[in-house]
Amino acid sequence: MTRYLPVSIAAILSAVTVVVGVQRWEVPMFPSEDGMHGAAQSEPADIDSELDDNLGAAFTSYVSTTLRYRVRIPSSWSISDNHEQGDIDILQEPNGLAVITLSTTEDPHLCDPVAIDRMLNTMESAAAYDPSLTQVSYAKVPWKGHWTVMGSGRRERHDGTWLTRSFIVARPEHEGTLNITTNIRSDVETLFGDDVQAILDSLIVSTGG
């Protein structure tokens, strides 16, 4: 048995190296001005210097990506793809949850960076949000017929754990509205307008928030 020990150790080290490498590739992180980190599928870009002056340009390289979320949706919902702006795919699970995949190649249109930062600071967690499925750093929020990119990310706590910050994904003007809501509703009217508040009030309940 002693004779095979070096081989076993080498095999274990090799396996660990592979696992670590895959993990780092699947969730590469890029830093932001406030210390928040976002996850992207492509190699991270150095965008620190761009965040203040041109937040939209900083996210351009991350547009053609895929978002995956696990949210609670009513079985009566009928979700259809929006082929003009992007594709939304739903995988219904027996436990009432659904894995939602949003793919898009549209150019980002961002709100004011100050408003985005305020939004992120109010969203400490999501009602039925599974961070293990998150693969990119932003979501597209359609509002009044326009897609708006809202930043997302994870901030490391002092104890080494991660605080996941999320956002709202909604299609209020399309049949089969898709929403991922948070349990924080402050500043919603400031960012999105009074007409969105009614949508949030109804859908926070339907998503378990």
C-alpha atoms as a PDB file:
ATOM      1  CA  MET A   1       0.000   0.000   0.000  1.00  0.00           C
ATOM      2  CA  THR A   2       2.905   2.336   0.767  1.00  0.00           C
ATOM      3  CA  ARG A   3       4.115   1.846  -2.770  1.00  0.00           C
ATOM      4  CA  TYR A   4       0.947   3.432  -4.192  1.00  0.00           C
ATOM      5  CA  LEU A   5       0.733   6.312  -1.727  1.00  0.00           C
ATOM      6  CA  PRO A   6       2.632   8.906  -3.843  1.00  0.00           C
ATOM      7  CA  VAL A   7       0.416   8.104  -6.817  1.00  0.00           C
ATOM      8  CA  SER A   8      -2.705   8.545  -4.705  1.00  0.00           C
ATOM      9  CA  ILE A   9      -1.531  11.891  -3.370  1.00  0.00           C
ATOM     10  CA  ALA A  10      -0.683  13.057  -6.869  1.00  0.00           C
ATOM     11  CA  ALA A  11      -4.094  12.007  -8.109  1.00  0.00           C
ATOM     12  CA  ILE A  12      -5.816  13.836  -5.271  1.00  0.00           C
ATOM     13  CA  LEU A  13      -3.813  17.001  -5.868  1.00  0.00           C
ATOM     14  CA  SER A  14      -4.579  16.795  -9.565  1.00  0.00           C
ATOM     15  CA  ALA A  15      -8.294  16.414  -8.885  1.00  0.00           C
ATOM     16  CA  VAL A  16      -8.285  19.345  -6.458  1.00  0.00           C
ATOM     17  CA  THR A  17      -6.493  21.504  -9.000  1.00  0.00           C
ATOM     18  CA  VAL A  18      -9.080  20.697 -11.638  1.00  0.00           C
ATOM     19  CA  VAL A  19     -12.001  21.449  -9.322  1.00  0.00           C
ATOM     20  CA  VAL A  20     -10.536  24.753  -8.195  1.00  0.00           C
ATOM     21  CA  GLY A  21      -9.781  25.712 -11.772  1.00  0.00           C
ATOM     22  CA  VAL A  22     -13.320  25.015 -12.910  1.00  0.00           C
ATOM     23  CA  GLN A  23     -14.805  26.943 -10.005  1.00  0.00           C
ATOM     24  CA  ARG A  24     -12.690  29.991 -10.731  1.00  0.00           C
ATOM     25  CA  TRP A  25     -13.591  29.855 -14.415  1.00  0.00           C
ATOM     26  CA  GLU A  26     -17.316  29.521 -13.772  1.00  0.00           C
ATOM     27  CA  VAL A  27     -17.486  32.457 -11.395  1.00  0.00           C
ATOM     28  CA  PRO A  28     -14.664  34.916 -12.169  1.00  0.00           C
ATOM     29  CA  MET A  29     -15.011  38.097 -10.144  1.00  0.00           C
ATOM     30  CA  PHE A  30     -14.280  41.690 -11.024  1.00  0.00           C
ATOM     31  CA  PRO A  31     -13.994  44.452  -8.399  1.00  0.00           C
ATOM     32  CA  SER A  32     -15.966  47.676  -8.294  1.00  0.00           C
ATOM     33  CA  GLU A  33     -15.394  51.021  -6.647  1.00  0.00           C
ATOM     34  CA  ASP A  34     -17.349  50.177  -3.503  1.00  0.00           C
ATOM     35  CA  GLY A  35     -15.814  46.754  -2.979  1.00  0.00           C
ATOM     36  CA  MET A  36     -18.751  44.844  -4.413  1.00  0.00           C
ATOM     37  CA  HIS A  37     -17.949  41.978  -6.727  1.00  0.00           C
ATOM     38  CA  GLY A  38     -19.974  40.638  -9.622  1.00  0.00           C
ATOM     39  CA  ALA A  39     -19.745  37.285 -11.365  1.00  0.00           C
ATOM     40  CA  ALA A  40     -19.387  36.935 -15.116  1.00  0.00           C
ATOM     41  CA  GLN A  41     -19.010  34.065 -17.560  1.00  0.00           C
ATOM     42  CA  SER A  42     -16.158  35.615 -19.507  1.00  0.00           C
ATOM     43  CA  GLU A  43     -12.721  36.680 -18.339  1.00  0.00           C
ATOM     44  CA  PRO A  44     -13.076  39.621 -15.933  1.00  0.00           C
ATOM     45  CA  ALA A  45     -12.137  43.045 -17.244  1.00  0.00           C
ATOM     46  CA  ASP A  46     -10.408  45.792 -15.308  1.00  0.00           C
ATOM     47  CA  ILE A  47     -13.262  48.288 -15.148  1.00  0.00           C
ATOM     48  CA  ASP A  48     -12.451  50.162 -11.962  1.00  0.00           C
ATOM     49  CA  SER A  49     -11.466  53.337 -13.781  1.00  0.00           C
ATOM     50  CA  GLU A  50     -14.588  53.281 -15.933  1.00  0.00           C
ATOM     51  CA  LEU A  51     -17.254  52.949 -13.263  1.00  0.00           C
ATOM     52  CA  ASP A  52     -17.437  56.604 -12.292  1.00  0.00           C
ATOM     53  CA  ASP A  53     -17.356  58.146 -15.761  1.00  0.00           C
ATOM     54  CA  ASN A  54     -19.151  55.616 -17.926  1.00  0.00           C
ATOM     55  CA  LEU A  55     -20.915  52.794 -16.141  1.00  0.00           C
ATOM     56  CA  GLY A  56     -22.655  51.729 -19.338  1.00  0.00           C
ATOM     57  CA  ALA A  57     -19.407  51.246 -21.238  1.00  0.00           C
ATOM     58  CA  ALA A  58     -17.992  49.279 -18.342  1.00  0.00           C
ATOM     59  CA  PHE A  59     -20.719  46.655 -18.699  1.00  0.00           C
ATOM     60  CA  THR A  60     -20.683  46.463 -22.512  1.00  0.00           C
ATOM     61  CA  SER A  61     -18.412  43.420 -22.602  1.00  0.00           C
ATOM     62  CA  TYR A  62     -20.871  41.491 -20.437  1.00  0.00           C
ATOM     63  CA  VAL A  63     -23.986  41.980 -22.573  1.00  0.00           C
ATOM     64  CA  SER A  64     -24.050  38.727 -24.519  1.00  0.00           C
ATOM     65  CA  THR A  65     -24.484  36.488 -21.515  1.00  0.00           C
ATOM     66  CA  THR A  66     -26.931  34.263 -19.694  1.00  0.00           C
ATOM     67  CA  LEU A  67     -28.718  34.766 -16.395  1.00  0.00           C
ATOM     68  CA  ARG A  68     -30.068  31.864 -14.360  1.00  0.00           C
ATOM     69  CA  TYR A  69     -32.306  32.218 -11.338  1.00  0.00           C
ATOM     70  CA  ARG A  70     -34.426  29.952  -9.199  1.00  0.00           C
ATOM     71  CA  VAL A  71     -37.659  31.681  -8.251  1.00  0.00           C
ATOM     72  CA  ARG A  72     -41.068  30.697  -6.979  1.00  0.00           C
ATOM     73  CA  ILE A  73     -43.779  31.248  -9.584  1.00  0.00           C
ATOM     74  CA  PRO A  74     -47.484  30.367  -9.629  1.00  0.00           C
ATOM     75  CA  SER A  75     -48.320  27.372 -11.804  1.00  0.00           C
ATOM     76  CA  SER A  76     -50.925  29.508 -13.580  1.00  0.00           C
ATOM     77  CA  TRP A  77     -48.307  31.823 -15.038  1.00  0.00           C
ATOM     78  CA  SER A  78     -47.749  31.595 -18.771  1.00  0.00           C
ATOM     79  CA  ILE A  79     -44.300  32.875 -19.698  1.00  0.00           C
ATOM     80  CA  SER A  80     -43.483  33.534 -23.336  1.00  0.00           C
ATOM     81  CA  ASP A  81     -40.145  34.334 -24.961  1.00  0.00           C
ATOM     82  CA  ASN A  82     -39.407  37.897 -25.976  1.00  0.00           C
ATOM     83  CA  HIS A  83     -37.473  37.352 -29.192  1.00  0.00           C
ATOM     84  CA  GLU A  84     -37.001  41.043 -29.902  1.00  0.00           C
ATOM     85  CA  GLN A  85     -35.021  41.850 -26.775  1.00  0.00           C
ATOM     86  CA  GLY A  86     -33.842  38.449 -25.609  1.00  0.00           C
ATOM     87  CA  ASP A  87     -34.998  34.930 -24.853  1.00  0.00           C
ATOM     88  CA  ILE A  88     -36.494  33.761 -21.591  1.00  0.00           C
ATOM     89  CA  ASP A  89     -36.678  30.035 -20.910  1.00  0.00           C
ATOM     90  CA  ILE A  90     -38.533  28.461 -18.007  1.00  0.00           C
ATOM     91  CA  LEU A  91     -37.843  25.047 -16.488  1.00  0.00           C
ATOM     92  CA  GLN A  92     -40.675  24.195 -14.104  1.00  0.00           C
ATOM     93  CA  GLU A  93     -39.765  21.953 -11.169  1.00  0.00           C
ATOM     94  CA  PRO A  94     -42.126  19.679  -9.193  1.00  0.00           C
ATOM     95  CA  ASN A  95     -41.543  21.621  -5.971  1.00  0.00           C
ATOM     96  CA  GLY A  96     -43.080  24.793  -7.393  1.00  0.00           C
ATOM     97  CA  LEU A  97     -39.792  26.504  -8.170  1.00  0.00           C
ATOM     98  CA  ALA A  98     -38.607  27.350 -11.636  1.00  0.00           C
ATOM     99  CA  VAL A  99     -35.161  27.805 -13.088  1.00  0.00           C
ATOM    100  CA  ILE A 100     -35.328  30.899 -15.274  1.00  0.00           C
ATOM    101  CA  THR A 101     -32.744  31.537 -17.969  1.00  0.00           C
ATOM    102  CA  LEU A 102     -32.580  34.952 -19.597  1.00  0.00           C
ATOM    103  CA  SER A 103     -30.294  35.339 -22.610  1.00  0.00           C
ATOM    104  CA  THR A 104     -29.794  38.629 -24.395  1.00  0.00           C
ATOM    105  CA  THR A 105     -27.413  40.366 -26.771  1.00  0.00           C
ATOM    106  CA  GLU A 106     -28.870  43.853 -26.506  1.00  0.00           C
ATOM    107  CA  ASP A 107     -26.711  46.875 -25.728  1.00  0.00           C
ATOM    108  CA  PRO A 108     -27.114  47.900 -22.097  1.00  0.00           C
ATOM    109  CA  HIS A 109     -29.020  51.001 -21.082  1.00  0.00           C
ATOM    110  CA  LEU A 110     -28.330  51.877 -17.498  1.00  0.00           C
ATOM    111  CA  CYS A 111     -29.992  54.161 -15.021  1.00  0.00           C
ATOM    112  CA  ASP A 112     -27.982  56.836 -13.290  1.00  0.00           C
ATOM    113  CA  PRO A 113     -25.041  55.193 -11.459  1.00  0.00           C
ATOM    114  CA  VAL A 114     -26.074  56.886  -8.205  1.00  0.00           C
ATOM    115  CA  ALA A 115     -29.558  55.407  -8.530  1.00  0.00           C
ATOM    116  CA  ILE A 116     -28.099  51.966  -9.213  1.00  0.00           C
ATOM    117  CA  ASP A 117     -25.891  52.188  -6.162  1.00  0.00           C
ATOM    118  CA  ARG A 118     -28.867  53.228  -4.032  1.00  0.00           C
ATOM    119  CA  MET A 119     -30.870  50.327  -5.447  1.00  0.00           C
ATOM    120  CA  LEU A 120     -28.146  47.814  -4.636  1.00  0.00           C
ATOM    121  CA  ASN A 121     -27.761  49.169  -1.135  1.00  0.00           C
ATOM    122  CA  THR A 122     -31.454  48.559  -0.411  1.00  0.00           C
ATOM    123  CA  MET A 123     -31.561  45.006  -1.745  1.00  0.00           C
ATOM    124  CA  GLU A 124     -29.979  42.793   0.868  1.00  0.00           C
ATOM    125  CA  SER A 125     -31.571  39.533  -0.236  1.00  0.00           C
ATOM    126  CA  ALA A 126     -34.131  38.056  -2.608  1.00  0.00           C
ATOM    127  CA  ALA A 127     -37.302  36.228  -1.648  1.00  0.00           C
ATOM    128  CA  ALA A 128     -36.680  33.015  -3.552  1.00  0.00           C
ATOM    129  CA  TYR A 129     -33.207  33.610  -4.907  1.00  0.00           C
ATOM    130  CA  ASP A 130     -30.587  30.914  -5.353  1.00  0.00           C
ATOM    131  CA  PRO A 131     -27.128  32.532  -5.680  1.00  0.00           C
ATOM    132  CA  SER A 132     -25.600  29.230  -6.764  1.00  0.00           C
ATOM    133  CA  LEU A 133     -27.337  29.661 -10.116  1.00  0.00           C
ATOM    134  CA  THR A 134     -26.127  33.204 -10.729  1.00  0.00           C
ATOM    135  CA  GLN A 135     -23.608  33.384 -13.543  1.00  0.00           C
ATOM    136  CA  VAL A 136     -23.427  37.026 -14.548  1.00  0.00           C
ATOM    137  CA  SER A 137     -23.280  40.421 -12.941  1.00  0.00           C
ATOM    138  CA  TYR A 138     -26.392  42.198 -14.139  1.00  0.00           C
ATOM    139  CA  ALA A 139     -30.018  41.761 -15.090  1.00  0.00           C
ATOM    140  CA  LYS A 140     -32.163  43.429 -17.711  1.00  0.00           C
ATOM    141  CA  VAL A 141     -35.175  45.172 -16.260  1.00  0.00           C
ATOM    142  CA  PRO A 142     -37.785  46.021 -18.900  1.00  0.00           C
ATOM    143  CA  TRP A 143     -39.711  49.119 -17.897  1.00  0.00           C
ATOM    144  CA  LYS A 144     -42.198  50.954 -20.147  1.00  0.00           C
ATOM    145  CA  GLY A 145     -41.031  48.914 -23.113  1.00  0.00           C
ATOM    146  CA  HIS A 146     -37.320  49.501 -22.559  1.00  0.00           C
ATOM    147  CA  TRP A 147     -34.718  47.130 -21.157  1.00  0.00           C
ATOM    148  CA  THR A 148     -32.676  48.575 -18.330  1.00  0.00           C
ATOM    149  CA  VAL A 149     -29.581  46.934 -16.918  1.00  0.00           C
ATOM    150  CA  MET A 150     -29.426  46.901 -13.138  1.00  0.00           C
ATOM    151  CA  GLY A 151     -26.173  45.877 -11.490  1.00  0.00           C
ATOM    152  CA  SER A 152     -25.890  42.967  -9.116  1.00  0.00           C
ATOM    153  CA  GLY A 153     -23.161  41.305  -7.182  1.00  0.00           C
ATOM    154  CA  ARG A 154     -21.901  39.850  -3.949  1.00  0.00           C
ATOM    155  CA  ARG A 155     -20.101  41.593  -1.128  1.00  0.00           C
ATOM    156  CA  GLU A 156     -17.863  39.659   1.247  1.00  0.00           C
ATOM    157  CA  ARG A 157     -18.795  39.999   4.906  1.00  0.00           C
ATOM    158  CA  HIS A 158     -16.215  40.348   7.636  1.00  0.00           C
ATOM    159  CA  ASP A 159     -16.728  36.713   8.600  1.00  0.00           C
ATOM    160  CA  GLY A 160     -15.812  35.564   5.093  1.00  0.00           C
ATOM    161  CA  THR A 161     -19.344  34.746   3.936  1.00  0.00           C
ATOM    162  CA  TRP A 162     -20.995  36.415   0.969  1.00  0.00           C
ATOM    163  CA  LEU A 163     -23.902  38.833   0.985  1.00  0.00           C
ATOM    164  CA  THR A 164     -25.796  38.368  -2.257  1.00  0.00           C
ATOM    165  CA  ARG A 165     -27.404  41.463  -3.696  1.00  0.00           C
ATOM    166  CA  SER A 166     -30.142  41.034  -6.210  1.00  0.00           C
ATOM    167  CA  PHE A 167     -32.532  43.080  -8.311  1.00  0.00           C
ATOM    168  CA  ILE A 168     -35.949  43.060  -9.945  1.00  0.00           C
ATOM    169  CA  VAL A 169     -36.540  41.458 -13.336  1.00  0.00           C
ATOM    170  CA  ALA A 170     -39.951  42.320 -14.751  1.00  0.00           C
ATOM    171  CA  ARG A 171     -41.864  42.556 -18.002  1.00  0.00           C
ATOM    172  CA  PRO A 172     -44.868  44.642 -16.923  1.00  0.00           C
ATOM    173  CA  GLU A 173     -46.139  45.350 -20.436  1.00  0.00           C
ATOM    174  CA  HIS A 174     -46.063  41.773 -21.722  1.00  0.00           C
ATOM    175  CA  GLU A 175     -48.402  38.883 -21.107  1.00  0.00           C
ATOM    176  CA  GLY A 176     -46.886  36.426 -18.665  1.00  0.00           C
ATOM    177  CA  THR A 177     -44.930  38.968 -16.659  1.00  0.00           C
ATOM    178  CA  LEU A 178     -41.727  37.513 -15.268  1.00  0.00           C
ATOM    179  CA  ASN A 179     -40.595  38.925 -11.953  1.00  0.00           C
ATOM    180  CA  ILE A 180     -37.797  38.236  -9.539  1.00  0.00           C
ATOM    181  CA  THR A 181     -38.494  40.381  -6.501  1.00  0.00           C
ATOM    182  CA  THR A 182     -36.584  41.217  -3.376  1.00  0.00           C
ATOM    183  CA  ASN A 183     -37.890  41.668   0.135  1.00  0.00           C
ATOM    184  CA  ILE A 184     -36.846  45.329   0.101  1.00  0.00           C
ATOM    185  CA  ARG A 185     -39.171  47.864  -1.499  1.00  0.00           C
ATOM    186  CA  SER A 186     -37.669  51.190  -0.435  1.00  0.00           C
ATOM    187  CA  ASP A 187     -36.719  53.633  -3.206  1.00  0.00           C
ATOM    188  CA  VAL A 188     -38.696  51.642  -5.766  1.00  0.00           C
ATOM    189  CA  GLU A 189     -40.940  54.580  -6.604  1.00  0.00           C
ATOM    190  CA  THR A 190     -37.954  56.871  -6.962  1.00  0.00           C
ATOM    191  CA  LEU A 191     -36.258  54.574  -9.438  1.00  0.00           C
ATOM    192  CA  PHE A 192     -39.129  53.147 -11.438  1.00  0.00           C
ATOM    193  CA  GLY A 193     -42.195  55.327 -10.952  1.00  0.00           C
ATOM    194  CA  ASP A 194     -45.564  54.893  -9.292  1.00  0.00           C
ATOM    195  CA  ASP A 195     -46.912  52.526 -11.953  1.00  0.00           C
ATOM    196  CA  VAL A 196     -44.378  49.851 -11.027  1.00  0.00           C
ATOM    197  CA  GLN A 197     -45.286  49.908  -7.341  1.00  0.00           C
ATOM    198  CA  ALA A 198     -48.609  48.167  -7.988  1.00  0.00           C
ATOM    199  CA  ILE A 199     -46.799  45.448  -9.941  1.00  0.00           C
ATOM    200  CA  LEU A 200     -44.363  44.900  -7.096  1.00  0.00           C
ATOM    201  CA  ASP A 201     -47.129  44.825  -4.500  1.00  0.00           C
ATOM    202  CA  SER A 202     -48.876  41.966  -6.284  1.00  0.00           C
ATOM    203  CA  LEU A 203     -45.824  39.995  -7.337  1.00  0.00           C
ATOM    204  CA  ILE A 204     -43.928  40.101  -4.069  1.00  0.00           C
ATOM    205  CA  VAL A 205     -46.749  37.951  -2.729  1.00  0.00           C
ATOM    206  CA  SER A 206     -46.782  35.611  -5.719  1.00  0.00           C
ATOM    207  CA  THR A 207     -43.031  34.999  -5.534  1.00  0.00           C
ATOM    208  CA  GLY A 208     -43.030  34.265  -1.836  1.00  0.00           C
ATOM    209  CA  GLY A 209     -41.474  37.541  -0.759  1.00  0.00           C
END
